[in-house]
Protein backbone atom coordinates (compact mmCIF):
# COMPACT_ATOMS: atom_id res chain seq x y z
CA MET A 1 15.24 -2.05 -10.07
CA ILE A 2 12.88 0.14 -8.22
CA LYS A 3 14.54 3.27 -9.55
CA ILE A 4 14.46 1.85 -13.31
CA LYS A 5 10.86 0.79 -12.85
CA GLU A 6 10.56 4.43 -11.98
CA GLY A 7 12.57 5.82 -14.72
CA PHE A 8 11.14 3.52 -17.72
CA ALA A 9 7.53 4.17 -16.25
CA GLY A 10 8.02 8.07 -16.17
CA ARG A 11 9.40 7.87 -19.83
CA LEU A 12 6.41 6.17 -20.90
CA ALA A 13 3.96 7.95 -19.42
CA GLU A 14 5.45 11.30 -20.73
CA PHE A 15 6.05 9.40 -24.38
CA ALA A 16 1.61 8.54 -24.22
CA SER A 17 0.90 12.22 -23.58
CA THR A 18 1.91 12.54 -27.28
CA LEU A 19 0.18 10.02 -29.01
CA GLU A 20 -2.98 11.66 -29.23
CA GLU A 21 -1.74 14.44 -31.74
CA TYR A 22 0.08 11.71 -33.65
CA VAL A 23 -3.76 9.87 -34.38
CA SER A 24 -6.40 12.87 -34.19
CA THR A 25 -7.41 15.39 -36.34
CA GLY A 26 -8.02 19.08 -34.96
CA ASP A 27 -11.18 17.92 -33.62
CA GLY A 28 -10.70 15.30 -31.78
CA GLN A 29 -11.15 12.46 -34.76
CA TRP A 30 -9.41 9.37 -35.49
CA THR A 31 -7.57 10.23 -38.41
CA VAL A 32 -8.12 6.67 -39.66
CA ARG A 33 -10.97 6.66 -41.40
CA GLY A 34 -11.05 2.77 -43.00
CA PHE A 35 -8.89 0.00 -45.53
CA ILE A 36 -7.96 0.91 -48.79
CA ASP A 37 -7.41 -1.41 -51.65
CA VAL A 38 -5.48 -1.42 -54.63
CA PHE A 39 -8.18 -0.35 -56.72
CA GLN A 40 -8.27 2.72 -54.24
CA ASN A 41 -11.67 1.92 -53.12
CA ILE A 42 -12.13 2.84 -49.01
CA TYR A 43 -14.13 0.13 -46.81
CA THR A 44 -15.05 2.18 -43.36
CA ILE A 45 -14.38 0.04 -40.51
CA SER A 46 -16.54 -0.59 -37.58
CA SER A 47 -16.68 0.80 -33.85
CA ASP A 48 -16.02 -2.87 -32.98
CA THR A 49 -13.79 -2.63 -29.93
CA LYS A 50 -11.59 -5.28 -31.01
CA ILE A 51 -10.94 -3.89 -34.65
CA VAL A 52 -10.38 -0.23 -33.04
CA SER A 53 -7.66 -1.97 -30.59
CA LYS A 54 -5.92 -3.84 -33.69
CA ILE A 55 -5.83 -0.89 -35.92
CA LEU A 56 -4.49 1.37 -33.20
CA GLU A 57 -2.28 -1.05 -32.57
CA ILE A 58 -0.23 -1.15 -36.18
CA HIS A 59 -1.31 2.77 -36.12
CA LEU A 60 0.67 3.26 -33.32
CA PHE A 61 3.59 0.83 -33.59
CA SER A 62 6.68 2.86 -35.60
CA GLN A 63 6.04 5.83 -33.00
CA ILE A 64 6.24 2.60 -30.43
CA LEU A 65 9.64 1.61 -31.99
CA ASN A 66 11.44 5.02 -32.35
CA PHE A 67 10.30 5.11 -28.40
CA ALA A 68 12.00 1.88 -27.51
CA LYS A 69 15.14 2.90 -29.61
CA SER A 70 15.42 6.49 -28.43
CA ASN A 71 15.86 5.30 -24.61
CA GLY A 72 17.96 1.86 -25.54
CA TYR A 73 15.10 -1.11 -25.38
CA LYS A 74 14.47 -3.61 -27.53
CA ILE A 75 10.98 -4.92 -28.24
CA VAL A 76 9.73 -8.62 -28.62
CA LEU A 77 6.65 -8.67 -29.86
CA ALA A 78 4.01 -12.00 -28.29
CA ASP A 79 4.84 -15.24 -30.88
CA HIS A 80 1.28 -16.06 -30.67
CA GLN A 81 -2.29 -14.02 -30.71
CA ASN A 82 -3.06 -15.11 -27.14
CA TYR A 83 0.64 -14.68 -25.54
CA TYR A 84 0.99 -11.96 -22.35
CA PRO A 85 2.13 -9.37 -22.86
CA ASP A 86 1.12 -7.34 -26.18
CA ILE A 87 5.26 -6.02 -26.02
CA SER A 88 8.06 -6.87 -23.94
CA PHE A 89 10.87 -3.99 -23.77
CA VAL A 90 13.91 -5.43 -22.94
CA ASN A 91 17.18 -3.39 -22.14
CA ALA A 92 20.14 -3.64 -25.26
CA LYS A 93 23.03 -3.75 -22.18
CA ASP A 94 21.03 -6.04 -19.98
CA GLU A 95 18.33 -8.25 -20.91
CA SER A 96 17.15 -9.42 -17.86
CA ILE A 97 15.91 -6.21 -17.57
CA ARG A 98 11.84 -6.64 -19.21
CA PHE A 99 8.94 -4.64 -19.46
CA ALA A 100 5.20 -6.42 -20.06
CA VAL A 101 3.24 -3.29 -21.69
CA ASP A 102 0.19 -4.57 -22.90
CA PHE A 103 -2.37 -2.59 -24.79
CA LYS A 104 -5.95 -1.86 -23.43
CA THR A 105 -8.48 -0.09 -25.18
CA THR A 106 -12.03 0.71 -24.49
CA TYR A 107 -15.12 3.14 -24.81
CA ARG A 108 -16.59 5.55 -22.63
CA ASN A 109 -20.11 5.24 -21.46
CA PRO A 110 -22.25 7.15 -23.58
CA LYS A 111 -24.82 8.11 -21.11
CA LYS A 112 -22.12 8.20 -18.15
CA PRO A 113 -19.16 9.42 -19.73
CA PHE A 114 -17.49 9.51 -16.23
CA LEU A 115 -17.13 5.70 -16.67
CA CYS A 116 -15.93 3.54 -19.33
CA ASN A 117 -16.72 -0.29 -20.81
CA GLY A 118 -13.56 -1.52 -18.39
CA PHE A 119 -10.99 -3.93 -19.62
CA THR A 120 -9.62 -6.81 -18.99
CA LEU A 121 -5.39 -6.75 -17.33
CA GLY A 122 -4.40 -10.33 -18.34
CA SER A 123 -4.83 -13.83 -17.24
CA HIS A 124 -4.82 -15.02 -13.18
CA GLY A 125 -4.39 -18.41 -14.61
CA GLU A 126 -0.99 -20.68 -14.86
CA TYR A 127 1.84 -18.37 -16.16
CA PHE A 128 0.08 -15.95 -13.38
CA ILE A 129 0.78 -17.99 -10.34
CA GLN A 130 3.46 -20.06 -11.73
CA ARG A 131 6.11 -17.85 -12.20
CA THR A 132 8.21 -19.11 -13.65
CA SER A 133 5.82 -21.21 -16.04
CA THR A 134 6.28 -19.96 -20.24
CA LYS A 135 2.90 -21.28 -21.07
CA ASN A 136 0.98 -18.68 -22.67
CA ILE A 137 3.44 -15.78 -21.89
CA GLN A 138 6.17 -14.20 -23.86
CA PHE A 139 8.99 -14.80 -21.05
CA PRO A 140 8.22 -15.97 -17.71
CA TYR A 141 5.93 -13.40 -15.59
CA SER A 142 8.72 -13.13 -12.57
CA SER A 143 11.44 -12.07 -14.88
CA TYR A 144 9.25 -8.69 -15.87
CA ALA A 145 10.47 -6.05 -13.38
CA GLY A 146 7.02 -3.96 -14.29
CA HIS A 147 3.84 -4.81 -16.12
CA PHE A 148 2.45 -1.69 -17.64
CA CYS A 149 -1.01 -0.96 -19.31
CA LEU A 150 -0.94 1.37 -22.39
CA GLY A 151 -4.45 2.42 -22.09
CA ILE A 152 -6.87 4.13 -25.10
CA LEU A 153 -10.07 5.74 -23.55
CA TYR A 154 -11.97 6.69 -26.45
CA ASP A 155 -15.90 8.16 -27.79
CA ARG A 156 -17.60 6.13 -29.89
CA VAL A 157 -19.56 7.32 -32.49
CA GLU A 158 -23.38 6.19 -32.72
CA GLY A 159 -25.89 6.87 -35.13
CA SER A 160 -26.02 6.95 -38.92
CA THR A 161 -23.51 9.41 -39.55
CA ILE A 162 -21.24 5.72 -40.47
CA ASP A 163 -22.13 3.72 -43.40
CA GLU A 164 -20.38 0.57 -42.83
CA THR A 165 -21.75 -1.30 -46.41
CA ARG A 166 -20.82 2.27 -48.36
CA VAL A 167 -17.26 1.87 -50.82
CA ARG A 168 -16.06 4.98 -51.19
CA ARG A 169 -13.17 6.58 -53.60
CA ILE A 170 -10.17 8.29 -52.15
CA ASP A 171 -11.33 11.66 -53.08
CA GLU A 172 -13.82 10.95 -50.78
CA LEU A 173 -11.57 10.67 -47.73
CA LYS A 174 -11.97 13.54 -46.05
CA SER A 175 -15.72 13.27 -46.60
CA ILE A 176 -15.78 10.05 -44.19
CA ALA A 177 -16.67 10.17 -40.69
CA SER A 178 -14.30 9.05 -38.04
CA VAL A 179 -15.72 6.03 -36.11
CA VAL A 180 -14.25 7.31 -32.53
CA ARG A 181 -13.12 9.81 -31.65
CA ASN A 182 -11.47 12.00 -28.17
CA LEU A 183 -8.77 9.27 -27.90
CA GLN A 184 -7.33 9.88 -24.63
CA PHE A 185 -3.67 8.02 -23.69
CA PHE A 186 -2.84 6.45 -20.52
CA VAL A 187 0.16 4.47 -18.64
CA ALA A 188 -0.60 2.83 -15.35
CA GLU A 189 0.80 -0.98 -14.04
CA LYS A 190 -1.96 -2.98 -13.84
CA TRP A 191 -2.15 -4.26 -10.47
CA ARG A 192 -2.77 -0.15 -9.76
CA ILE A 193 -5.95 -0.05 -11.87
CA ALA A 194 -7.27 -3.83 -11.07
CA SER A 195 -10.43 -4.66 -9.55
CA ASP A 196 -11.24 -7.99 -7.71
CA LYS A 197 -13.85 -9.56 -10.18
CA ARG A 198 -13.10 -10.79 -13.35
CA GLY A 199 -13.41 -8.74 -16.59
CA SER A 200 -14.40 -11.72 -19.11
CA GLY A 201 -17.02 -13.97 -17.94
CA ASN A 202 -15.61 -17.43 -16.59
CA THR A 203 -12.76 -17.14 -18.32
CA ALA A 204 -9.27 -16.18 -16.12
CA ASN A 205 -9.09 -13.02 -16.52
CA ILE A 206 -8.35 -9.92 -14.43
CA GLY A 207 -10.96 -7.17 -14.24
CA SER A 208 -10.38 -3.34 -14.26
CA ILE A 209 -12.21 -0.50 -12.63
CA LYS A 210 -14.43 1.54 -14.64
CA ASN A 211 -13.86 4.89 -13.51
CA ILE A 212 -12.13 7.22 -15.71
CA ASP A 213 -10.47 9.43 -13.23
CA ASP A 214 -9.51 6.43 -11.17
CA ILE A 215 -7.94 4.66 -14.20
CA VAL A 216 -5.96 7.35 -15.24
CA ASN A 217 -4.61 8.28 -11.90
CA GLY A 218 -4.08 4.34 -10.89
CA ARG A 219 -6.68 4.47 -8.17
CA GLY A 220 -7.81 1.06 -8.67
CA MET A 221 -8.92 -1.36 -5.22
CA PHE A 222 -5.33 -2.89 -4.67
CA SER A 223 -3.54 1.23 -5.00
CA ARG A 224 -3.22 1.72 -1.23
CA LEU A 225 -2.75 -2.21 -0.13
CA GLY A 226 -0.20 -2.86 -2.61
CA GLU A 227 1.16 -5.31 -5.32
CA LYS A 228 1.81 -8.22 -3.17
CA TRP A 229 -2.00 -8.02 -1.90
CA PHE A 230 -2.89 -7.66 -5.93
CA ASP A 231 -0.51 -10.42 -6.27
CA ASP A 232 -2.13 -12.89 -3.20
CA TYR A 233 -5.33 -11.91 -4.37
CA TRP A 234 -5.32 -12.83 -8.18
CA MET A 235 -3.45 -15.80 -7.00
CA ASN A 236 -5.97 -17.61 -4.68
CA TYR A 237 -9.39 -16.17 -6.60
CA GLY A 238 -11.68 -18.36 -5.53
CA LYS A 239 -9.82 -21.09 -4.43
CA ILE A 240 -10.56 -19.78 -0.59
CA ASN A 241 -13.73 -21.40 1.36
CA VAL A 242 -14.98 -19.99 4.25
CA PRO A 243 -17.93 -20.51 6.56
CA GLY A 244 -21.08 -19.38 4.96
CA LYS A 245 -24.80 -18.85 5.71
CA GLU A 246 -26.49 -22.20 6.80
CA GLY A 247 -23.74 -24.10 7.57
CA LYS A 248 -22.39 -24.04 3.90
CA THR A 249 -19.14 -23.19 2.57
CA LYS A 250 -18.84 -20.06 0.47
CA ARG A 251 -15.51 -19.61 -2.11
CA ILE A 252 -14.03 -15.70 -1.40
CA THR A 253 -14.17 -13.56 -4.50
CA ASP A 254 -14.55 -10.61 -2.71
CA LEU A 255 -11.08 -8.49 -1.68
CA ALA A 256 -12.49 -6.56 1.28
CA GLU A 257 -13.28 -10.56 2.75
CA PHE A 258 -10.17 -11.31 1.61
CA VAL A 259 -7.99 -8.91 3.63
CA ARG A 260 -9.94 -9.87 6.19
CA TYR A 261 -9.48 -13.49 6.00
CA ARG A 262 -5.50 -12.49 5.77
CA LYS A 263 -5.73 -10.25 8.74
CA GLY A 264 -5.11 -7.38 6.97
CA ASP A 265 -6.41 -3.91 7.27
CA VAL A 266 -9.70 -3.86 5.22
CA SER A 267 -9.48 0.01 5.53
CA LEU A 268 -7.26 -0.10 2.74
CA VAL A 269 -9.21 -1.06 0.22
CA VAL A 270 -10.44 0.81 -2.51
CA PRO A 271 -14.31 0.74 -3.29
CA PRO A 272 -14.83 1.07 -7.10
CA ARG A 273 -16.67 3.97 -7.96
CA ASN A 274 -19.55 3.39 -10.48
CA ARG A 275 -20.66 7.13 -10.08
CA LYS A 276 -19.12 10.54 -9.65
CA GLY A 277 -17.20 10.84 -6.56
CA LYS A 278 -19.56 8.06 -4.84
CA ALA A 279 -17.79 4.09 -4.20
CA THR A 280 -19.94 1.52 -4.35
CA PRO A 281 -21.38 0.03 -1.61
């Protein structure tokens, strides 16, 4: 199964490397400029991450379908909006071979372009802990041979060049500025780009690292420890109490502390980088 997963990962990464040309103009702008109605009115879209993400999924769907067919896979879309993953790739000849692929889009930090805004990597709740559960997941977590992110990084176009209130006509299409540009695609197993912190407040979502070079090269906090450590940490996130200050206890929500608690090699923890070449203390 390892060779099958490596083969799928390699082909998916090769496929992702072709997508920029499909969705971008020669000067790096996204080819989508807005919504059009039957009267040929064009309504400019905003740079809201959720809107951009969903339209990109629709924009790329035909290409993803072609990729699946040419590599002997069927695709199964999530039955519900909050289900994991976005797409299940199921081998057409052996349906026990499955891969989970989630779309992940985020924008570069305009002041620190080597960083991005980050994204969530799925829940660490019931289906992650109970690997045979079918709650909020298309197929049981343990039935997937690999869990991948098809990621998209982009720059948001800021300032007055985008007027969301103005309705355009079809003959004005080329004059409409794109809300995002410089799209960059990558593929990574989600454990390889994970951080040790939640990705969205108090919800049970795994957060990603934010250094772009580390993301595209799969150098997350667990990348030297391995997937088993990723699973163990996030299945037990915030559940283990250890002695704290003044006789009190505290919950482990830090990877180095967790590895130390499990008597592992703390030197294998990769500190997240929030600056070029420098790890967070």
